[in-house]
Amino acid sequence: MKFVAFERAKQGTGASRRLRNSGKTPGIVYGGEGQPQLVELDHNALWHALKKEAFHSSILEMDLGGNVTKVLLRDVQYHPYKQLVQHVDFQRVDARTRLTVKVPLHFKGEEESEAVKLHQNLVNHVMTEIEISVLPADLPEFIEVDLSGLSNAATVHLNDIKLPGRAKAITHGKPNPVIVSAVPPAPEEEEAPAAAAAPAAEPAKGKGKKK
């Protein structure tokens, strides 16, 4: 994806506020061999771009003054309650340097699986993204997980899915976390036996009339 940025000369709270009031969003580009650089972006164009999953997880082409640089979105600061992007951070991408990136998982095939079709399992997506270390050339927009072979009450672990290229998963101490679990439906409770009919009340004994 490609986007346009402009050089930003001034910094500080007041300058950033005036920039936002004019429909722009302040940002910064850092990393690589260059020095950190202040930039500004059109807010509306940025707002719509941020709604796209690929803008968050793929390498972007930033056009700055006619020069195109490959960058990665690193941070977005939103206003607490307004639909307003307050600041964005981008990192320059070096083809020889590995990146640490969170990549979304896309699931398919669960409706055709044995777990769902035959056993009515509830498929629980325990993780919806994974963090990987990867060279820029191997960075995927998403990782697809095929669940068509999911069996009754089964689980899918990180080691069960294929990572792109020479990517390595970062698990923060968890050796093989669960990605998906198939949960069988709870057994239906047996209906309680019908309560025994209450015995008929005896008729009240009336006083008989003497003949």
N, C-alpha and C. Protein backbone atom coordinates (compact mmCIF):
# COMPACT_ATOMS: atom_id res chain seq x y z
N MET A 1 0.84 -1.20 0.00
CA MET A 1 0.00 0.00 0.00
C MET A 1 0.88 1.25 0.00
N LYS A 2 0.40 2.28 -0.68
CA LYS A 2 1.16 3.51 -0.79
C LYS A 2 0.38 4.67 -0.17
N PHE A 3 1.09 5.55 0.49
CA PHE A 3 0.45 6.75 1.05
C PHE A 3 1.40 7.93 0.90
N VAL A 4 0.84 9.13 1.02
CA VAL A 4 1.61 10.35 0.84
C VAL A 4 1.81 11.04 2.19
N ALA A 5 3.02 11.45 2.46
CA ALA A 5 3.34 12.21 3.66
C ALA A 5 4.05 13.49 3.25
N PHE A 6 4.07 14.47 4.16
CA PHE A 6 4.70 15.76 3.90
C PHE A 6 5.65 16.09 5.04
N GLU A 7 6.69 16.81 4.74
CA GLU A 7 7.63 17.21 5.78
C GLU A 7 6.96 18.15 6.77
N ARG A 8 7.31 17.99 8.03
CA ARG A 8 6.75 18.84 9.09
C ARG A 8 7.91 19.56 9.76
N ALA A 9 7.85 20.89 9.74
CA ALA A 9 8.97 21.67 10.25
C ALA A 9 8.88 21.90 11.75
N LYS A 10 7.67 22.20 12.23
CA LYS A 10 7.51 22.58 13.63
C LYS A 10 7.08 21.39 14.48
N GLN A 11 7.47 21.42 15.73
CA GLN A 11 7.03 20.41 16.68
C GLN A 11 6.62 21.08 17.98
N GLY A 12 6.01 20.28 18.84
CA GLY A 12 5.51 20.83 20.09
C GLY A 12 3.99 20.73 20.15
N THR A 13 3.46 20.89 21.36
CA THR A 13 2.02 20.73 21.58
C THR A 13 1.20 21.73 20.78
N GLY A 14 1.60 22.98 20.80
CA GLY A 14 0.84 24.00 20.08
C GLY A 14 0.85 23.79 18.59
N ALA A 15 2.00 23.44 18.04
CA ALA A 15 2.11 23.21 16.60
C ALA A 15 1.28 22.00 16.18
N SER A 16 1.31 20.97 17.00
CA SER A 16 0.53 19.76 16.69
C SER A 16 -0.97 20.05 16.75
N ARG A 17 -1.38 20.88 17.70
CA ARG A 17 -2.80 21.23 17.81
C ARG A 17 -3.25 22.00 16.58
N ARG A 18 -2.45 22.95 16.14
CA ARG A 18 -2.80 23.72 14.94
C ARG A 18 -2.84 22.82 13.70
N LEU A 19 -1.95 21.86 13.68
CA LEU A 19 -1.91 20.92 12.55
C LEU A 19 -3.19 20.10 12.50
N ARG A 20 -3.63 19.60 13.65
CA ARG A 20 -4.86 18.80 13.69
C ARG A 20 -6.07 19.65 13.32
N ASN A 21 -6.09 20.90 13.76
CA ASN A 21 -7.21 21.79 13.43
C ASN A 21 -7.30 22.07 11.94
N SER A 22 -6.21 21.90 11.24
CA SER A 22 -6.19 22.13 9.79
C SER A 22 -6.44 20.85 8.99
N GLY A 23 -6.79 19.75 9.69
CA GLY A 23 -7.10 18.51 8.99
C GLY A 23 -5.90 17.63 8.72
N LYS A 24 -4.80 17.87 9.43
CA LYS A 24 -3.58 17.07 9.26
C LYS A 24 -3.30 16.27 10.54
N THR A 25 -2.50 15.23 10.38
CA THR A 25 -2.09 14.42 11.53
C THR A 25 -0.57 14.41 11.61
N PRO A 26 0.00 14.79 12.77
CA PRO A 26 1.45 14.74 12.91
C PRO A 26 1.95 13.31 13.05
N GLY A 27 3.17 13.08 12.59
CA GLY A 27 3.77 11.76 12.69
C GLY A 27 5.27 11.85 12.71
N ILE A 28 5.89 10.68 12.84
CA ILE A 28 7.36 10.61 12.83
C ILE A 28 7.77 9.33 12.11
N VAL A 29 8.90 9.41 11.42
CA VAL A 29 9.50 8.25 10.75
C VAL A 29 10.88 8.07 11.35
N TYR A 30 11.19 6.84 11.79
CA TYR A 30 12.49 6.60 12.42
C TYR A 30 13.03 5.24 11.97
N GLY A 31 14.23 4.94 12.41
CA GLY A 31 14.85 3.65 12.09
C GLY A 31 15.68 3.72 10.82
N GLY A 32 16.34 2.60 10.54
CA GLY A 32 17.20 2.55 9.37
C GLY A 32 18.44 3.41 9.55
N GLU A 33 18.99 3.87 8.45
CA GLU A 33 20.22 4.64 8.49
C GLU A 33 19.97 6.14 8.65
N GLY A 34 18.73 6.59 8.38
CA GLY A 34 18.44 8.01 8.46
C GLY A 34 18.08 8.46 9.86
N GLN A 35 18.06 9.78 10.05
CA GLN A 35 17.66 10.36 11.32
C GLN A 35 16.13 10.37 11.42
N PRO A 36 15.59 10.41 12.64
CA PRO A 36 14.13 10.54 12.77
C PRO A 36 13.64 11.79 12.05
N GLN A 37 12.51 11.67 11.37
CA GLN A 37 11.99 12.77 10.56
C GLN A 37 10.54 13.04 10.89
N LEU A 38 10.23 14.31 11.11
CA LEU A 38 8.86 14.71 11.40
C LEU A 38 8.07 14.79 10.10
N VAL A 39 6.85 14.24 10.12
CA VAL A 39 6.01 14.25 8.93
C VAL A 39 4.59 14.63 9.33
N GLU A 40 3.78 14.93 8.33
CA GLU A 40 2.36 15.15 8.53
C GLU A 40 1.60 14.46 7.41
N LEU A 41 0.37 14.01 7.72
CA LEU A 41 -0.45 13.29 6.75
C LEU A 41 -1.85 13.89 6.74
N ASP A 42 -2.53 13.76 5.60
CA ASP A 42 -3.92 14.16 5.53
C ASP A 42 -4.74 13.26 6.45
N HIS A 43 -5.49 13.85 7.36
CA HIS A 43 -6.18 13.05 8.37
C HIS A 43 -7.22 12.12 7.78
N ASN A 44 -8.04 12.63 6.86
CA ASN A 44 -9.12 11.79 6.32
C ASN A 44 -8.58 10.60 5.55
N ALA A 45 -7.53 10.83 4.76
CA ALA A 45 -6.93 9.72 4.02
C ALA A 45 -6.33 8.69 4.98
N LEU A 46 -5.69 9.18 6.05
CA LEU A 46 -5.10 8.28 7.04
C LEU A 46 -6.19 7.49 7.77
N TRP A 47 -7.28 8.17 8.13
CA TRP A 47 -8.37 7.53 8.86
C TRP A 47 -8.93 6.34 8.07
N HIS A 48 -9.14 6.53 6.77
CA HIS A 48 -9.67 5.45 5.94
C HIS A 48 -8.63 4.34 5.74
N ALA A 49 -7.36 4.71 5.64
CA ALA A 49 -6.31 3.70 5.48
C ALA A 49 -6.21 2.82 6.71
N LEU A 50 -6.39 3.42 7.89
CA LEU A 50 -6.27 2.66 9.14
C LEU A 50 -7.39 1.64 9.31
N LYS A 51 -8.46 1.76 8.55
CA LYS A 51 -9.55 0.78 8.62
C LYS A 51 -9.21 -0.50 7.87
N LYS A 52 -8.15 -0.46 7.08
CA LYS A 52 -7.74 -1.63 6.29
C LYS A 52 -6.71 -2.44 7.07
N GLU A 53 -6.95 -3.72 7.15
CA GLU A 53 -6.06 -4.59 7.92
C GLU A 53 -4.64 -4.54 7.39
N ALA A 54 -4.48 -4.49 6.06
CA ALA A 54 -3.15 -4.52 5.46
C ALA A 54 -2.30 -3.32 5.86
N PHE A 55 -2.93 -2.19 6.18
CA PHE A 55 -2.18 -1.00 6.57
C PHE A 55 -1.44 -1.22 7.88
N HIS A 56 -1.94 -2.13 8.69
CA HIS A 56 -1.35 -2.40 10.00
C HIS A 56 -0.30 -3.51 9.96
N SER A 57 -0.38 -4.39 8.97
CA SER A 57 0.45 -5.60 9.02
C SER A 57 1.33 -5.82 7.80
N SER A 58 1.40 -4.86 6.89
CA SER A 58 2.22 -5.05 5.70
C SER A 58 3.19 -3.88 5.54
N ILE A 59 4.18 -4.07 4.68
CA ILE A 59 5.14 -3.01 4.40
C ILE A 59 4.49 -1.98 3.49
N LEU A 60 4.61 -0.72 3.88
CA LEU A 60 3.96 0.38 3.17
C LEU A 60 4.99 1.18 2.39
N GLU A 61 4.51 1.85 1.35
CA GLU A 61 5.37 2.74 0.57
C GLU A 61 4.98 4.18 0.88
N MET A 62 5.87 4.89 1.52
CA MET A 62 5.61 6.28 1.89
C MET A 62 6.25 7.21 0.86
N ASP A 63 5.40 8.00 0.22
CA ASP A 63 5.87 9.00 -0.74
C ASP A 63 6.07 10.32 0.01
N LEU A 64 7.31 10.69 0.19
CA LEU A 64 7.64 11.93 0.91
C LEU A 64 8.46 12.82 -0.02
N GLY A 65 7.81 13.85 -0.56
CA GLY A 65 8.50 14.75 -1.46
C GLY A 65 8.99 14.08 -2.73
N GLY A 66 8.26 13.09 -3.20
CA GLY A 66 8.65 12.39 -4.43
C GLY A 66 9.58 11.22 -4.21
N ASN A 67 10.11 11.08 -2.99
CA ASN A 67 10.97 9.93 -2.66
C ASN A 67 10.14 8.88 -1.94
N VAL A 68 10.21 7.65 -2.42
CA VAL A 68 9.42 6.56 -1.85
C VAL A 68 10.29 5.74 -0.91
N THR A 69 9.83 5.58 0.32
CA THR A 69 10.54 4.82 1.34
C THR A 69 9.62 3.72 1.88
N LYS A 70 10.18 2.55 2.07
CA LYS A 70 9.39 1.46 2.65
C LYS A 70 9.38 1.59 4.17
N VAL A 71 8.18 1.57 4.73
CA VAL A 71 8.02 1.75 6.17
C VAL A 71 6.99 0.76 6.71
N LEU A 72 6.95 0.68 8.02
CA LEU A 72 6.00 -0.16 8.72
C LEU A 72 5.30 0.69 9.78
N LEU A 73 3.99 0.60 9.86
CA LEU A 73 3.25 1.32 10.90
C LEU A 73 3.58 0.72 12.26
N ARG A 74 4.00 1.58 13.18
CA ARG A 74 4.41 1.07 14.49
C ARG A 74 3.50 1.49 15.63
N ASP A 75 2.87 2.66 15.52
CA ASP A 75 2.02 3.09 16.63
C ASP A 75 1.01 4.11 16.12
N VAL A 76 -0.19 4.04 16.68
CA VAL A 76 -1.24 5.00 16.36
C VAL A 76 -1.84 5.49 17.67
N GLN A 77 -1.97 6.79 17.82
CA GLN A 77 -2.60 7.36 19.01
C GLN A 77 -3.92 8.00 18.59
N TYR A 78 -5.01 7.50 19.20
CA TYR A 78 -6.34 8.02 18.90
C TYR A 78 -6.80 8.95 20.02
N HIS A 79 -7.69 9.87 19.68
CA HIS A 79 -8.33 10.71 20.69
C HIS A 79 -9.23 9.82 21.56
N PRO A 80 -9.33 10.11 22.87
CA PRO A 80 -10.11 9.24 23.76
C PRO A 80 -11.55 9.03 23.34
N TYR A 81 -12.20 10.04 22.75
CA TYR A 81 -13.61 9.86 22.40
C TYR A 81 -13.98 10.43 21.02
N LYS A 82 -13.14 11.24 20.42
CA LYS A 82 -13.42 11.77 19.09
C LYS A 82 -12.86 10.83 18.02
N GLN A 83 -13.45 10.87 16.83
CA GLN A 83 -12.90 10.11 15.71
C GLN A 83 -11.72 10.89 15.14
N LEU A 84 -10.61 10.82 15.86
CA LEU A 84 -9.47 11.65 15.54
C LEU A 84 -8.18 10.87 15.81
N VAL A 85 -7.31 10.84 14.80
CA VAL A 85 -5.97 10.26 14.97
C VAL A 85 -5.04 11.38 15.40
N GLN A 86 -4.43 11.23 16.56
CA GLN A 86 -3.62 12.31 17.10
C GLN A 86 -2.15 12.24 16.68
N HIS A 87 -1.67 11.02 16.44
CA HIS A 87 -0.25 10.88 16.08
C HIS A 87 -0.01 9.49 15.51
N VAL A 88 0.96 9.37 14.58
CA VAL A 88 1.33 8.07 14.02
C VAL A 88 2.85 7.95 13.98
N ASP A 89 3.32 6.72 14.19
CA ASP A 89 4.75 6.42 14.11
C ASP A 89 4.99 5.41 13.00
N PHE A 90 6.01 5.64 12.20
CA PHE A 90 6.41 4.69 11.16
C PHE A 90 7.88 4.34 11.35
N GLN A 91 8.23 3.09 11.01
CA GLN A 91 9.62 2.64 11.07
C GLN A 91 10.11 2.33 9.67
N ARG A 92 11.28 2.85 9.31
CA ARG A 92 11.87 2.52 8.02
C ARG A 92 12.24 1.03 7.99
N VAL A 93 12.10 0.44 6.82
CA VAL A 93 12.36 -0.99 6.67
C VAL A 93 13.67 -1.20 5.92
N ASP A 94 14.54 -2.01 6.53
CA ASP A 94 15.80 -2.40 5.89
C ASP A 94 15.65 -3.85 5.45
N ALA A 95 15.88 -4.11 4.18
CA ALA A 95 15.67 -5.46 3.63
C ALA A 95 16.50 -6.52 4.34
N ARG A 96 17.61 -6.12 4.97
CA ARG A 96 18.50 -7.11 5.61
C ARG A 96 18.23 -7.27 7.10
N THR A 97 17.31 -6.49 7.64
CA THR A 97 17.06 -6.52 9.09
C THR A 97 15.71 -7.17 9.37
N ARG A 98 15.70 -8.12 10.30
CA ARG A 98 14.46 -8.80 10.66
C ARG A 98 13.54 -7.84 11.42
N LEU A 99 12.26 -7.99 11.19
CA LEU A 99 11.24 -7.20 11.86
C LEU A 99 10.50 -8.05 12.87
N THR A 100 10.03 -7.43 13.91
CA THR A 100 9.12 -8.10 14.86
C THR A 100 7.75 -7.49 14.65
N VAL A 101 6.81 -8.31 14.17
CA VAL A 101 5.51 -7.81 13.73
C VAL A 101 4.41 -8.75 14.20
N LYS A 102 3.26 -8.16 14.55
CA LYS A 102 2.07 -8.96 14.83
C LYS A 102 1.28 -9.11 13.54
N VAL A 103 1.00 -10.37 13.18
CA VAL A 103 0.32 -10.68 11.92
C VAL A 103 -1.03 -11.31 12.23
N PRO A 104 -2.12 -10.83 11.60
CA PRO A 104 -3.45 -11.41 11.87
C PRO A 104 -3.57 -12.83 11.32
N LEU A 105 -4.41 -13.63 11.98
CA LEU A 105 -4.73 -14.98 11.53
C LEU A 105 -6.09 -14.97 10.84
N HIS A 106 -6.18 -15.59 9.68
CA HIS A 106 -7.45 -15.76 8.97
C HIS A 106 -7.82 -17.23 9.00
N PHE A 107 -8.99 -17.53 9.51
CA PHE A 107 -9.43 -18.91 9.65
C PHE A 107 -10.40 -19.27 8.53
N LYS A 108 -10.28 -20.50 8.03
CA LYS A 108 -11.21 -20.96 7.00
C LYS A 108 -11.49 -22.44 7.21
N GLY A 109 -12.63 -22.91 6.68
CA GLY A 109 -12.94 -24.33 6.63
C GLY A 109 -13.57 -24.93 7.86
N GLU A 110 -13.81 -24.14 8.91
CA GLU A 110 -14.32 -24.75 10.13
C GLU A 110 -15.74 -25.29 9.97
N GLU A 111 -16.56 -24.65 9.10
CA GLU A 111 -17.93 -25.12 8.91
C GLU A 111 -17.97 -26.49 8.23
N GLU A 112 -16.92 -26.85 7.48
CA GLU A 112 -16.87 -28.14 6.80
C GLU A 112 -16.17 -29.21 7.64
N SER A 113 -15.67 -28.85 8.80
CA SER A 113 -14.90 -29.79 9.60
C SER A 113 -15.80 -30.79 10.32
N GLU A 114 -15.21 -31.92 10.67
CA GLU A 114 -15.92 -32.95 11.44
C GLU A 114 -16.40 -32.38 12.78
N ALA A 115 -15.57 -31.53 13.38
CA ALA A 115 -15.91 -30.99 14.69
C ALA A 115 -17.23 -30.22 14.66
N VAL A 116 -17.48 -29.48 13.58
CA VAL A 116 -18.69 -28.67 13.49
C VAL A 116 -19.83 -29.43 12.85
N LYS A 117 -19.59 -30.10 11.70
CA LYS A 117 -20.66 -30.75 10.95
C LYS A 117 -21.25 -31.95 11.67
N LEU A 118 -20.37 -32.77 12.28
CA LEU A 118 -20.84 -34.01 12.89
C LEU A 118 -21.06 -33.90 14.39
N HIS A 119 -20.28 -33.04 15.04
CA HIS A 119 -20.32 -33.02 16.51
C HIS A 119 -20.78 -31.68 17.07
N GLN A 120 -21.14 -30.73 16.21
CA GLN A 120 -21.65 -29.42 16.64
C GLN A 120 -20.75 -28.74 17.67
N ASN A 121 -19.43 -28.88 17.47
CA ASN A 121 -18.49 -28.20 18.37
C ASN A 121 -18.56 -26.69 18.19
N LEU A 122 -18.26 -25.98 19.26
CA LEU A 122 -18.06 -24.54 19.20
C LEU A 122 -16.57 -24.31 18.97
N VAL A 123 -16.22 -23.64 17.87
CA VAL A 123 -14.81 -23.40 17.54
C VAL A 123 -14.38 -22.08 18.17
N ASN A 124 -13.44 -22.16 19.07
CA ASN A 124 -12.98 -20.99 19.81
C ASN A 124 -11.63 -20.54 19.27
N HIS A 125 -11.58 -19.33 18.71
CA HIS A 125 -10.32 -18.77 18.21
C HIS A 125 -9.58 -18.16 19.40
N VAL A 126 -8.70 -18.93 19.99
CA VAL A 126 -7.99 -18.48 21.19
C VAL A 126 -7.06 -17.31 20.87
N MET A 127 -6.43 -17.36 19.69
CA MET A 127 -5.55 -16.28 19.24
C MET A 127 -6.03 -15.80 17.88
N THR A 128 -6.04 -14.50 17.68
CA THR A 128 -6.44 -13.93 16.39
C THR A 128 -5.26 -13.30 15.66
N GLU A 129 -4.10 -13.28 16.29
CA GLU A 129 -2.88 -12.79 15.67
C GLU A 129 -1.69 -13.42 16.37
N ILE A 130 -0.57 -13.49 15.68
CA ILE A 130 0.65 -13.99 16.31
C ILE A 130 1.79 -13.02 16.00
N GLU A 131 2.75 -13.00 16.89
CA GLU A 131 3.92 -12.14 16.72
C GLU A 131 5.04 -12.96 16.10
N ILE A 132 5.65 -12.43 15.05
CA ILE A 132 6.71 -13.17 14.37
C ILE A 132 7.92 -12.27 14.15
N SER A 133 9.08 -12.92 14.01
CA SER A 133 10.30 -12.25 13.59
C SER A 133 10.54 -12.69 12.16
N VAL A 134 10.67 -11.71 11.24
CA VAL A 134 10.67 -12.06 9.83
C VAL A 134 11.45 -11.01 9.03
N LEU A 135 12.06 -11.45 7.95
CA LEU A 135 12.68 -10.51 7.02
C LEU A 135 11.58 -9.81 6.23
N PRO A 136 11.79 -8.55 5.86
CA PRO A 136 10.75 -7.80 5.15
C PRO A 136 10.20 -8.52 3.91
N ALA A 137 11.07 -9.21 3.18
CA ALA A 137 10.61 -9.88 1.96
C ALA A 137 9.64 -11.02 2.24
N ASP A 138 9.67 -11.56 3.45
CA ASP A 138 8.81 -12.69 3.80
C ASP A 138 7.59 -12.29 4.61
N LEU A 139 7.42 -10.99 4.89
CA LEU A 139 6.32 -10.55 5.74
C LEU A 139 4.97 -10.72 5.03
N PRO A 140 4.05 -11.53 5.60
CA PRO A 140 2.73 -11.68 4.98
C PRO A 140 1.74 -10.67 5.54
N GLU A 141 0.68 -10.39 4.77
CA GLU A 141 -0.38 -9.52 5.29
C GLU A 141 -1.18 -10.26 6.36
N PHE A 142 -1.29 -11.59 6.21
CA PHE A 142 -1.99 -12.43 7.19
C PHE A 142 -1.50 -13.85 7.03
N ILE A 143 -1.82 -14.69 7.99
CA ILE A 143 -1.50 -16.12 7.94
C ILE A 143 -2.80 -16.89 7.95
N GLU A 144 -2.99 -17.74 6.95
CA GLU A 144 -4.23 -18.49 6.83
C GLU A 144 -4.13 -19.80 7.62
N VAL A 145 -5.19 -20.11 8.35
CA VAL A 145 -5.25 -21.35 9.14
C VAL A 145 -6.44 -22.16 8.64
N ASP A 146 -6.16 -23.31 8.07
CA ASP A 146 -7.21 -24.19 7.52
C ASP A 146 -7.72 -25.10 8.62
N LEU A 147 -9.01 -24.97 8.94
CA LEU A 147 -9.62 -25.76 10.01
C LEU A 147 -10.53 -26.86 9.48
N SER A 148 -10.46 -27.14 8.17
CA SER A 148 -11.36 -28.15 7.60
C SER A 148 -11.08 -29.55 8.15
N GLY A 149 -9.89 -29.80 8.67
CA GLY A 149 -9.56 -31.11 9.23
C GLY A 149 -9.73 -31.19 10.74
N LEU A 150 -10.38 -30.20 11.32
CA LEU A 150 -10.54 -30.16 12.78
C LEU A 150 -11.48 -31.27 13.23
N SER A 151 -11.04 -32.09 14.18
CA SER A 151 -11.85 -33.20 14.68
C SER A 151 -12.50 -32.85 16.01
N ASN A 152 -13.34 -33.73 16.47
CA ASN A 152 -14.12 -33.50 17.69
C ASN A 152 -13.23 -33.21 18.88
N ALA A 153 -13.49 -32.09 19.57
CA ALA A 153 -12.80 -31.70 20.80
C ALA A 153 -11.29 -31.54 20.61
N ALA A 154 -10.86 -31.24 19.38
CA ALA A 154 -9.43 -31.12 19.10
C ALA A 154 -8.94 -29.70 19.34
N THR A 155 -7.63 -29.55 19.38
CA THR A 155 -7.00 -28.23 19.50
C THR A 155 -5.95 -28.07 18.40
N VAL A 156 -5.75 -26.84 17.99
CA VAL A 156 -4.70 -26.52 17.02
C VAL A 156 -3.68 -25.65 17.75
N HIS A 157 -2.42 -26.10 17.71
CA HIS A 157 -1.35 -25.37 18.37
C HIS A 157 -0.53 -24.58 17.35
N LEU A 158 0.30 -23.71 17.87
CA LEU A 158 1.13 -22.87 17.01
C LEU A 158 2.00 -23.72 16.09
N ASN A 159 2.53 -24.82 16.61
CA ASN A 159 3.40 -25.67 15.79
C ASN A 159 2.65 -26.37 14.66
N ASP A 160 1.31 -26.34 14.69
CA ASP A 160 0.51 -26.99 13.65
C ASP A 160 0.31 -26.10 12.42
N ILE A 161 0.65 -24.83 12.50
CA ILE A 161 0.43 -23.95 11.36
C ILE A 161 1.76 -23.62 10.70
N LYS A 162 1.71 -23.35 9.42
CA LYS A 162 2.91 -23.08 8.64
C LYS A 162 3.18 -21.59 8.58
N LEU A 163 4.39 -21.20 8.97
CA LEU A 163 4.79 -19.80 8.91
C LEU A 163 5.48 -19.52 7.57
N PRO A 164 5.35 -18.31 7.07
CA PRO A 164 5.93 -18.00 5.76
C PRO A 164 7.44 -17.87 5.81
N GLY A 165 8.10 -18.29 4.72
CA GLY A 165 9.53 -18.07 4.57
C GLY A 165 10.34 -18.54 5.76
N ARG A 166 11.20 -17.66 6.23
CA ARG A 166 12.06 -17.98 7.39
C ARG A 166 11.55 -17.30 8.66
N ALA A 167 10.27 -17.09 8.70
CA ALA A 167 9.67 -16.44 9.87
C ALA A 167 9.76 -17.34 11.10
N LYS A 168 9.91 -16.71 12.24
CA LYS A 168 9.94 -17.42 13.52
C LYS A 168 8.91 -16.81 14.45
N ALA A 169 8.16 -17.66 15.12
CA ALA A 169 7.14 -17.18 16.05
C ALA A 169 7.79 -16.72 17.35
N ILE A 170 7.24 -15.66 17.92
CA ILE A 170 7.68 -15.16 19.23
C ILE A 170 6.55 -15.46 20.21
N THR A 171 6.83 -16.30 21.19
CA THR A 171 5.77 -16.77 22.08
C THR A 171 5.91 -16.27 23.51
N HIS A 172 6.96 -15.52 23.80
CA HIS A 172 7.14 -14.93 25.14
C HIS A 172 7.07 -15.99 26.25
N GLY A 173 7.81 -17.07 26.05
CA GLY A 173 7.91 -18.10 27.09
C GLY A 173 6.93 -19.25 26.97
N LYS A 174 5.92 -19.11 26.13
CA LYS A 174 4.97 -20.21 25.93
C LYS A 174 5.47 -21.05 24.76
N PRO A 175 5.86 -22.32 25.00
CA PRO A 175 6.51 -23.10 23.95
C PRO A 175 5.63 -23.43 22.75
N ASN A 176 4.36 -23.72 22.98
CA ASN A 176 3.49 -24.12 21.88
C ASN A 176 2.04 -23.76 22.21
N PRO A 177 1.70 -22.47 22.18
CA PRO A 177 0.37 -22.05 22.63
C PRO A 177 -0.75 -22.56 21.72
N VAL A 178 -1.94 -22.64 22.30
CA VAL A 178 -3.13 -23.07 21.56
C VAL A 178 -3.63 -21.92 20.70
N ILE A 179 -3.90 -22.22 19.43
CA ILE A 179 -4.45 -21.23 18.51
C ILE A 179 -5.97 -21.35 18.44
N VAL A 180 -6.45 -22.59 18.36
CA VAL A 180 -7.89 -22.86 18.21
C VAL A 180 -8.25 -24.07 19.07
N SER A 181 -9.43 -24.03 19.65
CA SER A 181 -9.93 -25.19 20.38
C SER A 181 -11.37 -25.46 19.95
N ALA A 182 -11.68 -26.76 19.79
CA ALA A 182 -13.05 -27.18 19.45
C ALA A 182 -13.70 -27.70 20.71
N VAL A 183 -14.79 -27.08 21.10
CA VAL A 183 -15.44 -27.39 22.37
C VAL A 183 -16.77 -28.09 22.09
N PRO A 184 -16.92 -29.35 22.53
CA PRO A 184 -18.19 -30.05 22.32
C PRO A 184 -19.32 -29.36 23.07
N PRO A 185 -20.54 -29.50 22.57
CA PRO A 185 -21.67 -28.90 23.29
C PRO A 185 -21.87 -29.56 24.64
N ALA A 186 -22.37 -28.81 25.57
CA ALA A 186 -22.63 -29.35 26.91
C ALA A 186 -23.73 -30.40 26.82
N PRO A 187 -23.60 -31.50 27.57
CA PRO A 187 -24.65 -32.53 27.54
C PRO A 187 -25.97 -31.97 28.06
N GLU A 188 -27.04 -32.39 27.40
CA GLU A 188 -28.35 -31.90 27.81
C GLU A 188 -28.73 -32.53 29.14
N GLU A 189 -29.23 -31.72 30.02
CA GLU A 189 -29.64 -32.23 31.32
C GLU A 189 -30.96 -32.98 31.18
N GLU A 190 -31.03 -34.13 31.87
CA GLU A 190 -32.26 -34.92 31.83
C GLU A 190 -33.35 -34.19 32.59
N GLU A 191 -34.52 -34.26 32.00
CA GLU A 191 -35.64 -33.59 32.64
C GLU A 191 -35.99 -34.30 33.94
N ALA A 192 -36.25 -33.53 34.93
CA ALA A 192 -36.61 -34.11 36.22
C ALA A 192 -37.93 -34.86 36.07
N PRO A 193 -38.04 -36.06 36.71
CA PRO A 193 -39.30 -36.80 36.61
C PRO A 193 -40.47 -35.97 37.11
N ALA A 194 -41.60 -36.20 36.46
CA ALA A 194 -42.79 -35.43 36.83
C ALA A 194 -43.13 -35.70 38.29
N ALA A 195 -43.47 -34.64 38.94
CA ALA A 195 -43.81 -34.78 40.35
C ALA A 195 -45.05 -35.66 40.50
N ALA A 196 -45.03 -36.52 41.52
CA ALA A 196 -46.18 -37.40 41.75
C ALA A 196 -47.41 -36.56 42.06
N ALA A 197 -48.52 -37.04 41.52
CA ALA A 197 -49.77 -36.30 41.75
C ALA A 197 -50.10 -36.30 43.23
N ALA A 198 -50.51 -35.15 43.69
CA ALA A 198 -50.85 -35.06 45.11
C ALA A 198 -52.12 -35.86 45.36
N PRO A 199 -52.20 -36.58 46.49
CA PRO A 199 -53.41 -37.36 46.78
C PRO A 199 -54.63 -36.46 46.89
N ALA A 200 -55.75 -37.00 46.38
CA ALA A 200 -56.99 -36.23 46.43
C ALA A 200 -57.37 -35.95 47.86
N ALA A 201 -57.80 -34.74 48.07
CA ALA A 201 -58.20 -34.36 49.44
C ALA A 201 -59.46 -35.10 49.83
N GLU A 202 -59.48 -35.57 51.06
CA GLU A 202 -60.67 -36.27 51.55
C GLU A 202 -61.80 -35.27 51.73
N PRO A 203 -63.02 -35.70 51.37
CA PRO A 203 -64.15 -34.78 51.54
C PRO A 203 -64.36 -34.44 53.00
N ALA A 204 -64.75 -33.23 53.21
CA ALA A 204 -64.98 -32.81 54.60
C ALA A 204 -66.14 -33.58 55.18
N LYS A 205 -65.99 -33.98 56.42
CA LYS A 205 -67.05 -34.74 57.10
C LYS A 205 -68.08 -33.77 57.63
N GLY A 206 -69.23 -33.85 57.01
CA GLY A 206 -70.29 -33.00 57.48
C GLY A 206 -71.07 -33.65 58.60
N LYS A 207 -71.84 -32.88 59.32
CA LYS A 207 -72.67 -33.43 60.40
C LYS A 207 -73.94 -34.01 59.82
N GLY A 208 -74.14 -35.29 60.01
CA GLY A 208 -75.33 -35.92 59.50
C GLY A 208 -76.61 -35.53 60.26
N LYS A 209 -77.72 -35.46 59.56
CA LYS A 209 -78.99 -35.12 60.22
C LYS A 209 -79.63 -36.37 60.76
N LYS A 210 -80.08 -36.30 61.98
CA LYS A 210 -80.75 -37.44 62.57
C LYS A 210 -82.17 -37.51 62.04
N LYS A 211 -82.51 -38.73 61.66
CA LYS A 211 -83.88 -38.92 61.19
C LYS A 211 -84.80 -39.17 62.34
